Amino acid sequence: MSAHQNAKLYNWRENGFEVDFVISSENNILDAEVKSGDEGISHKTFMKIGSVFPNARLILVGKNGIKYDVFMRCNLDDLW
């Protein structure tokens, strides 16, 4: 992932729910969930993430989403 001025990177975990990458800037939040296999994001997890980060864009990284190497090379402005 290319650097982005003032962007913060962290992860989030609460009561068994988690987001692998939370990337935030002044006006944007991106939640990226990384999956190594065929599974996606469960409905229950999707709803929880949406309640904690209501204005975030949620993306799936892995086999059934954005390929990991593409995600790591992309410009954040392309993901917001």
Protein backbone atom coordinates (compact mmCIF):
# COMPACT_ATOMS: atom_id res chain seq x y z
CA MET A 1 0.00 0.00 0.00
CA SER A 2 1.38 3.38 -0.87
CA ALA A 3 1.83 5.95 1.85
CA HIS A 4 -0.93 8.44 2.40
CA GLN A 5 -0.45 11.65 4.30
CA ASN A 6 -2.13 11.56 7.73
CA ALA A 7 -3.52 8.03 7.27
CA LYS A 8 -3.54 5.79 10.34
CA LEU A 9 -3.38 2.01 10.22
CA TYR A 10 -4.60 -0.22 13.01
CA ASN A 11 -6.72 -3.32 13.62
CA TRP A 12 -9.92 -3.66 15.63
CA ARG A 13 -11.14 -6.51 17.81
CA GLU A 14 -14.20 -6.70 20.07
CA ASN A 15 -16.08 -9.70 21.52
CA GLY A 16 -14.78 -12.15 18.93
CA PHE A 17 -15.21 -9.81 15.96
CA GLU A 18 -12.22 -8.31 14.19
CA VAL A 19 -11.08 -6.23 11.25
CA ASP A 20 -7.57 -6.96 10.00
CA PHE A 21 -6.81 -3.50 8.64
CA VAL A 22 -8.60 -0.30 9.61
CA ILE A 23 -7.19 2.62 7.65
CA SER A 24 -8.43 6.07 8.52
CA SER A 25 -7.75 9.60 7.42
CA GLU A 26 -9.56 12.85 8.16
CA ASN A 27 -12.54 12.07 5.92
CA ASN A 28 -12.33 8.35 5.16
CA ILE A 29 -12.35 4.97 6.85
CA LEU A 30 -11.51 1.73 5.09
CA ASP A 31 -11.99 -1.67 6.74
CA ALA A 32 -10.10 -4.47 4.99
CA GLU A 33 -10.77 -8.05 6.03
CA VAL A 34 -8.17 -10.55 4.80
CA LYS A 35 -9.27 -14.13 4.11
CA SER A 36 -6.84 -16.85 3.03
CA GLY A 37 -9.39 -19.42 1.89
CA ASP A 38 -12.71 -19.53 0.12
CA GLU A 39 -14.71 -18.01 2.96
CA GLY A 40 -16.08 -14.52 2.82
CA ILE A 41 -17.33 -12.21 5.53
CA SER A 42 -20.25 -13.63 7.49
CA HIS A 43 -23.48 -11.67 7.69
CA LYS A 44 -23.13 -11.39 11.47
CA THR A 45 -19.60 -9.99 11.15
CA PHE A 46 -20.66 -7.66 8.34
CA MET A 47 -23.47 -6.26 10.50
CA LYS A 48 -21.18 -5.80 13.53
CA ILE A 49 -18.51 -4.00 11.52
CA GLY A 50 -21.20 -1.78 10.00
CA SER A 51 -22.49 -0.82 13.44
CA VAL A 52 -19.01 0.05 14.74
CA PHE A 53 -17.80 1.76 11.54
CA PRO A 54 -21.01 3.05 9.91
CA ASN A 55 -19.23 5.34 7.42
CA ALA A 56 -16.48 2.92 6.46
CA ARG A 57 -15.95 1.16 3.18
CA LEU A 58 -15.52 -2.58 3.82
CA ILE A 59 -13.46 -4.62 1.39
CA LEU A 60 -12.50 -8.28 1.24
CA VAL A 61 -8.88 -9.06 0.49
CA GLY A 62 -8.02 -12.55 -0.72
CA LYS A 63 -9.22 -15.23 -3.12
CA ASN A 64 -12.81 -13.93 -3.37
CA GLY A 65 -12.00 -10.23 -3.20
CA ILE A 66 -9.13 -7.94 -4.07
CA LYS A 67 -6.00 -10.03 -4.52
CA TYR A 68 -3.55 -9.54 -1.64
CA ASP A 69 -0.63 -8.40 -3.81
CA VAL A 70 -2.88 -5.88 -5.60
CA PHE A 71 -4.16 -4.56 -2.27
CA MET A 72 -0.62 -4.12 -0.92
CA ARG A 73 0.50 -2.19 -4.03
CA CYS A 74 -2.55 0.00 -4.52
CA ASN A 75 -2.85 3.67 -3.77
CA LEU A 76 -5.22 4.42 -0.88
CA ASP A 77 -6.95 7.08 -2.96
CA ASP A 78 -8.12 4.27 -5.26
CA LEU A 79 -9.72 2.42 -2.33
CA TRP A 80 -11.56 5.19 -0.51
